[in-house]
Full PDB file with SEQRES, HELIX, SHEET, SSBOND, CRYST1, ORIGX, SCALE, CONECT and MASTER records, all heavy atoms in Angstrom:
SEQRES   1 A   30  ARG GLY LEU SER GLY SER LEU GLY SER VAL GLU TRP TRP          
SEQRES   2 A   30  ALA GLY LEU LEU PHE ALA THR ALA LEU VAL ALA GLY VAL          
SEQRES   3 A   30  VAL ALA PRO ILE                                              
HELIX    1 AA1 VAL A   10  VAL A   27  1                                  18    
CRYST1    1.000    1.000    1.000  90.00  90.00  90.00 P 1           1          
ORIGX1      1.000000  0.000000  0.000000        0.00000                         
ORIGX2      0.000000  1.000000  0.000000        0.00000                         
ORIGX3      0.000000  0.000000  1.000000        0.00000                         
SCALE1      1.000000  0.000000  0.000000        0.00000                         
SCALE2      0.000000  1.000000  0.000000        0.00000                         
SCALE3      0.000000  0.000000  1.000000        0.00000                         
ATOM      1  N   ARG A   1       3.134  -9.119 -29.475  1.00  0.00           N  
ATOM      2  CA  ARG A   1       3.403  -7.708 -29.184  1.00  0.00           C  
ATOM      3  C   ARG A   1       3.454  -7.434 -27.678  1.00  0.00           C  
ATOM      4  O   ARG A   1       3.781  -6.339 -27.270  1.00  0.00           O  
ATOM      5  CB  ARG A   1       2.327  -6.834 -29.832  1.00  0.00           C  
ATOM      6  CG  ARG A   1       2.305  -6.939 -31.354  1.00  0.00           C  
ATOM      7  CD  ARG A   1       3.597  -6.455 -31.960  1.00  0.00           C  
ATOM      8  NE  ARG A   1       3.606  -6.557 -33.417  1.00  0.00           N  
ATOM      9  CZ  ARG A   1       4.154  -7.574 -34.088  1.00  0.00           C  
ATOM     10  NH1 ARG A   1       4.730  -8.573 -33.421  1.00  0.00           N  
ATOM     11  NH2 ARG A   1       4.139  -7.589 -35.406  1.00  0.00           N  
ATOM     12  N   GLY A   2       3.095  -8.413 -26.869  1.00  0.00           N  
ATOM     13  CA  GLY A   2       3.231  -8.286 -25.422  1.00  0.00           C  
ATOM     14  C   GLY A   2       2.214  -7.361 -24.784  1.00  0.00           C  
ATOM     15  O   GLY A   2       1.204  -6.994 -25.382  1.00  0.00           O  
ATOM     16  N   LEU A   3       2.499  -6.978 -23.539  1.00  0.00           N  
ATOM     17  CA  LEU A   3       1.601  -6.103 -22.793  1.00  0.00           C  
ATOM     18  C   LEU A   3       1.601  -4.702 -23.387  1.00  0.00           C  
ATOM     19  O   LEU A   3       2.621  -4.221 -23.863  1.00  0.00           O  
ATOM     20  CB  LEU A   3       2.034  -6.018 -21.321  1.00  0.00           C  
ATOM     21  CG  LEU A   3       1.979  -7.308 -20.502  1.00  0.00           C  
ATOM     22  CD1 LEU A   3       2.525  -7.047 -19.108  1.00  0.00           C  
ATOM     23  CD2 LEU A   3       0.571  -7.854 -20.420  1.00  0.00           C  
ATOM     24  N   SER A   4       0.447  -4.062 -23.331  1.00  0.00           N  
ATOM     25  CA  SER A   4       0.360  -2.678 -23.775  1.00  0.00           C  
ATOM     26  C   SER A   4      -0.023  -1.812 -22.586  1.00  0.00           C  
ATOM     27  O   SER A   4      -0.534  -2.293 -21.581  1.00  0.00           O  
ATOM     28  CB  SER A   4      -0.681  -2.532 -24.888  1.00  0.00           C  
ATOM     29  OG  SER A   4      -1.961  -2.944 -24.429  1.00  0.00           O  
ATOM     30  N   GLY A   5       0.237  -0.530 -22.695  1.00  0.00           N  
ATOM     31  CA  GLY A   5      -0.109   0.381 -21.605  1.00  0.00           C  
ATOM     32  C   GLY A   5       0.999   0.492 -20.576  1.00  0.00           C  
ATOM     33  O   GLY A   5       1.854  -0.387 -20.451  1.00  0.00           O  
ATOM     34  N   SER A   6       0.970   1.564 -19.830  1.00  0.00           N  
ATOM     35  CA  SER A   6       1.969   1.792 -18.797  1.00  0.00           C  
ATOM     36  C   SER A   6       1.670   0.944 -17.568  1.00  0.00           C  
ATOM     37  O   SER A   6       0.549   0.463 -17.377  1.00  0.00           O  
ATOM     38  CB  SER A   6       1.992   3.277 -18.413  1.00  0.00           C  
ATOM     39  OG  SER A   6       0.708   3.687 -17.969  1.00  0.00           O  
ATOM     40  N   LEU A   7       2.660   0.759 -16.729  1.00  0.00           N  
ATOM     41  CA  LEU A   7       2.520  -0.038 -15.520  1.00  0.00           C  
ATOM     42  C   LEU A   7       1.345   0.458 -14.669  1.00  0.00           C  
ATOM     43  O   LEU A   7       1.261   1.636 -14.340  1.00  0.00           O  
ATOM     44  CB  LEU A   7       3.821   0.033 -14.702  1.00  0.00           C  
ATOM     45  CG  LEU A   7       3.857  -0.777 -13.405  1.00  0.00           C  
ATOM     46  CD1 LEU A   7       3.787  -2.262 -13.710  1.00  0.00           C  
ATOM     47  CD2 LEU A   7       5.117  -0.448 -12.610  1.00  0.00           C  
ATOM     48  N   GLY A   8       0.435  -0.459 -14.371  1.00  0.00           N  
ATOM     49  CA  GLY A   8      -0.718  -0.104 -13.553  1.00  0.00           C  
ATOM     50  C   GLY A   8      -1.932   0.383 -14.323  1.00  0.00           C  
ATOM     51  O   GLY A   8      -2.998   0.571 -13.734  1.00  0.00           O  
ATOM     52  N   SER A   9      -1.795   0.598 -15.639  1.00  0.00           N  
ATOM     53  CA  SER A   9      -2.930   1.058 -16.447  1.00  0.00           C  
ATOM     54  C   SER A   9      -3.919  -0.085 -16.655  1.00  0.00           C  
ATOM     55  O   SER A   9      -3.614  -1.261 -16.409  1.00  0.00           O  
ATOM     56  CB  SER A   9      -2.439   1.576 -17.798  1.00  0.00           C  
ATOM     57  OG  SER A   9      -1.892   0.512 -18.562  1.00  0.00           O  
ATOM     58  N   VAL A  10      -5.117   0.230 -17.135  1.00  0.00           N  
ATOM     59  CA  VAL A  10      -6.125  -0.803 -17.401  1.00  0.00           C  
ATOM     60  C   VAL A  10      -5.608  -1.779 -18.454  1.00  0.00           C  
ATOM     61  O   VAL A  10      -5.810  -2.996 -18.350  1.00  0.00           O  
ATOM     62  CB  VAL A  10      -7.445  -0.156 -17.867  1.00  0.00           C  
ATOM     63  CG1 VAL A  10      -8.470  -1.229 -18.204  1.00  0.00           C  
ATOM     64  CG2 VAL A  10      -7.994   0.782 -16.798  1.00  0.00           C  
ATOM     65  N   GLU A  11      -4.921  -1.244 -19.467  1.00  0.00           N  
ATOM     66  CA  GLU A  11      -4.360  -2.107 -20.507  1.00  0.00           C  
ATOM     67  C   GLU A  11      -3.349  -3.089 -19.920  1.00  0.00           C  
ATOM     68  O   GLU A  11      -3.327  -4.268 -20.278  1.00  0.00           O  
ATOM     69  CB  GLU A  11      -3.679  -1.256 -21.590  1.00  0.00           C  
ATOM     70  CG  GLU A  11      -4.620  -0.360 -22.367  1.00  0.00           C  
ATOM     71  CD  GLU A  11      -4.789   1.005 -21.726  1.00  0.00           C  
ATOM     72  OE1 GLU A  11      -4.456   1.144 -20.523  1.00  0.00           O  
ATOM     73  OE2 GLU A  11      -5.242   1.919 -22.422  1.00  0.00           O  
ATOM     74  N   TRP A  12      -2.519  -2.586 -19.016  1.00  0.00           N  
ATOM     75  CA  TRP A  12      -1.507  -3.423 -18.368  1.00  0.00           C  
ATOM     76  C   TRP A  12      -2.172  -4.500 -17.527  1.00  0.00           C  
ATOM     77  O   TRP A  12      -1.763  -5.665 -17.538  1.00  0.00           O  
ATOM     78  CB  TRP A  12      -0.605  -2.536 -17.515  1.00  0.00           C  
ATOM     79  CG  TRP A  12       0.498  -3.264 -16.815  1.00  0.00           C  
ATOM     80  CD1 TRP A  12       1.728  -3.567 -17.312  1.00  0.00           C  
ATOM     81  CD2 TRP A  12       0.468  -3.770 -15.463  1.00  0.00           C  
ATOM     82  NE1 TRP A  12       2.471  -4.233 -16.363  1.00  0.00           N  
ATOM     83  CE2 TRP A  12       1.720  -4.366 -15.219  1.00  0.00           C  
ATOM     84  CE3 TRP A  12      -0.491  -3.758 -14.459  1.00  0.00           C  
ATOM     85  CZ2 TRP A  12       2.043  -4.960 -13.997  1.00  0.00           C  
ATOM     86  CZ3 TRP A  12      -0.184  -4.352 -13.241  1.00  0.00           C  
ATOM     87  CH2 TRP A  12       1.072  -4.944 -13.014  1.00  0.00           C  
ATOM     88  N   TRP A  13      -3.224  -4.139 -16.795  1.00  0.00           N  
ATOM     89  CA  TRP A  13      -3.939  -5.101 -15.972  1.00  0.00           C  
ATOM     90  C   TRP A  13      -4.599  -6.180 -16.822  1.00  0.00           C  
ATOM     91  O   TRP A  13      -4.672  -7.346 -16.407  1.00  0.00           O  
ATOM     92  CB  TRP A  13      -4.987  -4.388 -15.117  1.00  0.00           C  
ATOM     93  CG  TRP A  13      -4.414  -3.842 -13.836  1.00  0.00           C  
ATOM     94  CD1 TRP A  13      -4.199  -2.537 -13.519  1.00  0.00           C  
ATOM     95  CD2 TRP A  13      -3.976  -4.612 -12.710  1.00  0.00           C  
ATOM     96  NE1 TRP A  13      -3.641  -2.432 -12.261  1.00  0.00           N  
ATOM     97  CE2 TRP A  13      -3.498  -3.687 -11.739  1.00  0.00           C  
ATOM     98  CE3 TRP A  13      -3.940  -5.970 -12.419  1.00  0.00           C  
ATOM     99  CZ2 TRP A  13      -2.995  -4.108 -10.510  1.00  0.00           C  
ATOM    100  CZ3 TRP A  13      -3.435  -6.384 -11.199  1.00  0.00           C  
ATOM    101  CH2 TRP A  13      -2.976  -5.464 -10.264  1.00  0.00           C  
ATOM    102  N   ALA A  14      -5.099  -5.813 -17.983  1.00  0.00           N  
ATOM    103  CA  ALA A  14      -5.705  -6.807 -18.877  1.00  0.00           C  
ATOM    104  C   ALA A  14      -4.697  -7.892 -19.235  1.00  0.00           C  
ATOM    105  O   ALA A  14      -4.999  -9.093 -19.184  1.00  0.00           O  
ATOM    106  CB  ALA A  14      -6.238  -6.131 -20.136  1.00  0.00           C  
ATOM    107  N   GLY A  15      -3.490  -7.485 -19.598  1.00  0.00           N  
ATOM    108  CA  GLY A  15      -2.444  -8.444 -19.932  1.00  0.00           C  
ATOM    109  C   GLY A  15      -2.034  -9.284 -18.741  1.00  0.00           C  
ATOM    110  O   GLY A  15      -1.810 -10.500 -18.858  1.00  0.00           O  
ATOM    111  N   LEU A  16      -1.934  -8.652 -17.578  1.00  0.00           N  
ATOM    112  CA  LEU A  16      -1.540  -9.379 -16.374  1.00  0.00           C  
ATOM    113  C   LEU A  16      -2.593 -10.405 -15.982  1.00  0.00           C  
ATOM    114  O   LEU A  16      -2.268 -11.542 -15.598  1.00  0.00           O  
ATOM    115  CB  LEU A  16      -1.307  -8.391 -15.227  1.00  0.00           C  
ATOM    116  CG  LEU A  16      -0.812  -9.010 -13.907  1.00  0.00           C  
ATOM    117  CD1 LEU A  16       0.542  -9.679 -14.098  1.00  0.00           C  
ATOM    118  CD2 LEU A  16      -0.728  -7.940 -12.822  1.00  0.00           C  
ATOM    119  N   LEU A  17      -3.868 -10.022 -16.082  1.00  0.00           N  
ATOM    120  CA  LEU A  17      -4.939 -10.965 -15.772  1.00  0.00           C  
ATOM    121  C   LEU A  17      -4.922 -12.148 -16.736  1.00  0.00           C  
ATOM    122  O   LEU A  17      -5.180 -13.298 -16.343  1.00  0.00           O  
ATOM    123  CB  LEU A  17      -6.297 -10.256 -15.845  1.00  0.00           C  
ATOM    124  CG  LEU A  17      -6.645  -9.345 -14.681  1.00  0.00           C  
ATOM    125  CD1 LEU A  17      -7.931  -8.570 -14.986  1.00  0.00           C  
ATOM    126  CD2 LEU A  17      -6.819 -10.147 -13.401  1.00  0.00           C  
ATOM    127  N   PHE A  18      -4.614 -11.860 -17.982  1.00  0.00           N  
ATOM    128  CA  PHE A  18      -4.517 -12.917 -18.982  1.00  0.00           C  
ATOM    129  C   PHE A  18      -3.451 -13.929 -18.579  1.00  0.00           C  
ATOM    130  O   PHE A  18      -3.686 -15.150 -18.575  1.00  0.00           O  
ATOM    131  CB  PHE A  18      -4.145 -12.311 -20.333  1.00  0.00           C  
ATOM    132  CG  PHE A  18      -5.008 -12.779 -21.450  1.00  0.00           C  
ATOM    133  CD1 PHE A  18      -5.821 -11.893 -22.138  1.00  0.00           C  
ATOM    134  CD2 PHE A  18      -5.023 -14.107 -21.833  1.00  0.00           C  
ATOM    135  CE1 PHE A  18      -6.626 -12.314 -23.171  1.00  0.00           C  
ATOM    136  CE2 PHE A  18      -5.818 -14.540 -22.860  1.00  0.00           C  
ATOM    137  CZ  PHE A  18      -6.627 -13.643 -23.536  1.00  0.00           C  
ATOM    138  N   ALA A  19      -2.260 -13.425 -18.257  1.00  0.00           N  
ATOM    139  CA  ALA A  19      -1.156 -14.297 -17.871  1.00  0.00           C  
ATOM    140  C   ALA A  19      -1.494 -15.080 -16.609  1.00  0.00           C  
ATOM    141  O   ALA A  19      -1.211 -16.286 -16.504  1.00  0.00           O  
ATOM    142  CB  ALA A  19       0.109 -13.469 -17.666  1.00  0.00           C  
ATOM    143  N   THR A  20      -2.120 -14.412 -15.639  1.00  0.00           N  
ATOM    144  CA  THR A  20      -2.485 -15.071 -14.383  1.00  0.00           C  
ATOM    145  C   THR A  20      -3.497 -16.172 -14.617  1.00  0.00           C  
ATOM    146  O   THR A  20      -3.422 -17.253 -14.012  1.00  0.00           O  
ATOM    147  CB  THR A  20      -3.053 -14.034 -13.389  1.00  0.00           C  
ATOM    148  OG1 THR A  20      -2.101 -12.989 -13.197  1.00  0.00           O  
ATOM    149  CG2 THR A  20      -3.353 -14.694 -12.048  1.00  0.00           C  
ATOM    150  N   ALA A  21      -4.467 -15.915 -15.501  1.00  0.00           N  
ATOM    151  CA  ALA A  21      -5.484 -16.922 -15.808  1.00  0.00           C  
ATOM    152  C   ALA A  21      -4.853 -18.168 -16.421  1.00  0.00           C  
ATOM    153  O   ALA A  21      -5.228 -19.307 -16.089  1.00  0.00           O  
ATOM    154  CB  ALA A  21      -6.527 -16.334 -16.760  1.00  0.00           C  
ATOM    155  N   LEU A  22      -3.888 -17.976 -17.309  1.00  0.00           N  
ATOM    156  CA  LEU A  22      -3.215 -19.114 -17.939  1.00  0.00           C  
ATOM    157  C   LEU A  22      -2.421 -19.916 -16.918  1.00  0.00           C  
ATOM    158  O   LEU A  22      -2.445 -21.155 -16.918  1.00  0.00           O  
ATOM    159  CB  LEU A  22      -2.301 -18.626 -19.065  1.00  0.00           C  
ATOM    160  CG  LEU A  22      -2.998 -18.035 -20.287  1.00  0.00           C  
ATOM    161  CD1 LEU A  22      -1.983 -17.512 -21.282  1.00  0.00           C  
ATOM    162  CD2 LEU A  22      -3.905 -19.070 -20.946  1.00  0.00           C  
ATOM    163  N   VAL A  23      -1.718 -19.220 -16.034  1.00  0.00           N  
ATOM    164  CA  VAL A  23      -0.946 -19.909 -14.993  1.00  0.00           C  
ATOM    165  C   VAL A  23      -1.880 -20.686 -14.069  1.00  0.00           C  
ATOM    166  O   VAL A  23      -1.628 -21.848 -13.721  1.00  0.00           O  
ATOM    167  CB  VAL A  23      -0.098 -18.904 -14.187  1.00  0.00           C  
ATOM    168  CG1 VAL A  23       0.533 -19.591 -12.976  1.00  0.00           C  
ATOM    169  CG2 VAL A  23       0.988 -18.295 -15.064  1.00  0.00           C  
ATOM    170  N   ALA A  24      -2.982 -20.046 -13.666  1.00  0.00           N  
ATOM    171  CA  ALA A  24      -3.953 -20.711 -12.786  1.00  0.00           C  
ATOM    172  C   ALA A  24      -4.568 -21.935 -13.457  1.00  0.00           C  
ATOM    173  O   ALA A  24      -4.878 -22.930 -12.798  1.00  0.00           O  
ATOM    174  CB  ALA A  24      -5.046 -19.730 -12.374  1.00  0.00           C  
ATOM    175  N   GLY A  25      -4.733 -21.860 -14.784  1.00  0.00           N  
ATOM    176  CA  GLY A  25      -5.270 -22.992 -15.518  1.00  0.00           C  
ATOM    177  C   GLY A  25      -4.377 -24.210 -15.450  1.00  0.00           C  
ATOM    178  O   GLY A  25      -4.854 -25.352 -15.475  1.00  0.00           O  
ATOM    179  N   VAL A  26      -3.071 -24.001 -15.356  1.00  0.00           N  
ATOM    180  CA  VAL A  26      -2.121 -25.106 -15.206  1.00  0.00           C  
ATOM    181  C   VAL A  26      -2.061 -25.564 -13.750  1.00  0.00           C  
ATOM    182  O   VAL A  26      -1.991 -26.761 -13.460  1.00  0.00           O  
ATOM    183  CB  VAL A  26      -0.716 -24.677 -15.676  1.00  0.00           C  
ATOM    184  CG1 VAL A  26       0.286 -25.799 -15.425  1.00  0.00           C  
ATOM    185  CG2 VAL A  26      -0.730 -24.311 -17.147  1.00  0.00           C  
ATOM    186  N   VAL A  27      -2.106 -24.602 -12.828  1.00  0.00           N  
ATOM    187  CA  VAL A  27      -1.993 -24.914 -11.405  1.00  0.00           C  
ATOM    188  C   VAL A  27      -3.185 -25.739 -10.918  1.00  0.00           C  
ATOM    189  O   VAL A  27      -3.035 -26.623 -10.063  1.00  0.00           O  
ATOM    190  CB  VAL A  27      -1.879 -23.615 -10.580  1.00  0.00           C  
ATOM    191  CG1 VAL A  27      -2.013 -23.897  -9.083  1.00  0.00           C  
ATOM    192  CG2 VAL A  27      -0.542 -22.934 -10.865  1.00  0.00           C  
ATOM    193  N   ALA A  28      -4.379 -25.485 -11.465  1.00  0.00           N  
ATOM    194  CA  ALA A  28      -5.601 -26.142 -10.982  1.00  0.00           C  
ATOM    195  C   ALA A  28      -5.509 -27.671 -10.995  1.00  0.00           C  
ATOM    196  O   ALA A  28      -5.751 -28.311  -9.955  1.00  0.00           O  
ATOM    197  CB  ALA A  28      -6.798 -25.659 -11.783  1.00  0.00           C  
ATOM    198  N   PRO A  29      -5.188 -28.303 -12.127  1.00  0.00           N  
ATOM    199  CA  PRO A  29      -5.094 -29.770 -12.094  1.00  0.00           C  
ATOM    200  C   PRO A  29      -3.924 -30.273 -11.260  1.00  0.00           C  
ATOM    201  O   PRO A  29      -4.013 -31.345 -10.647  1.00  0.00           O  
ATOM    202  CB  PRO A  29      -4.939 -30.159 -13.569  1.00  0.00           C  
ATOM    203  CG  PRO A  29      -4.481 -28.926 -14.260  1.00  0.00           C  
ATOM    204  CD  PRO A  29      -5.057 -27.789 -13.496  1.00  0.00           C  
ATOM    205  N   ILE A  30      -2.835 -29.526 -11.217  1.00  0.00           N  
ATOM    206  CA  ILE A  30      -1.700 -29.931 -10.380  1.00  0.00           C  
ATOM    207  C   ILE A  30      -2.110 -29.914  -8.906  1.00  0.00           C  
ATOM    208  O   ILE A  30      -1.793 -30.835  -8.137  1.00  0.00           O  
ATOM    209  CB  ILE A  30      -0.496 -29.005 -10.617  1.00  0.00           C  
ATOM    210  CG1 ILE A  30       0.028 -29.167 -12.047  1.00  0.00           C  
ATOM    211  CG2 ILE A  30       0.619 -29.287  -9.611  1.00  0.00           C  
ATOM    212  CD1 ILE A  30       1.119 -28.202 -12.425  1.00  0.00           C  
TER     213      ILE A  30                                                      
MASTER        0    0    0    1    0    0    0    6  212    1    0    3          
END                                                                             
């Protein structure tokens, strides 16, 4: 269902942090 909430909302930030955490998890061993 993707990100929820309007741009900049707490809901939107939750989704963005999730995506960032996953990307960082790949970047770390590289």
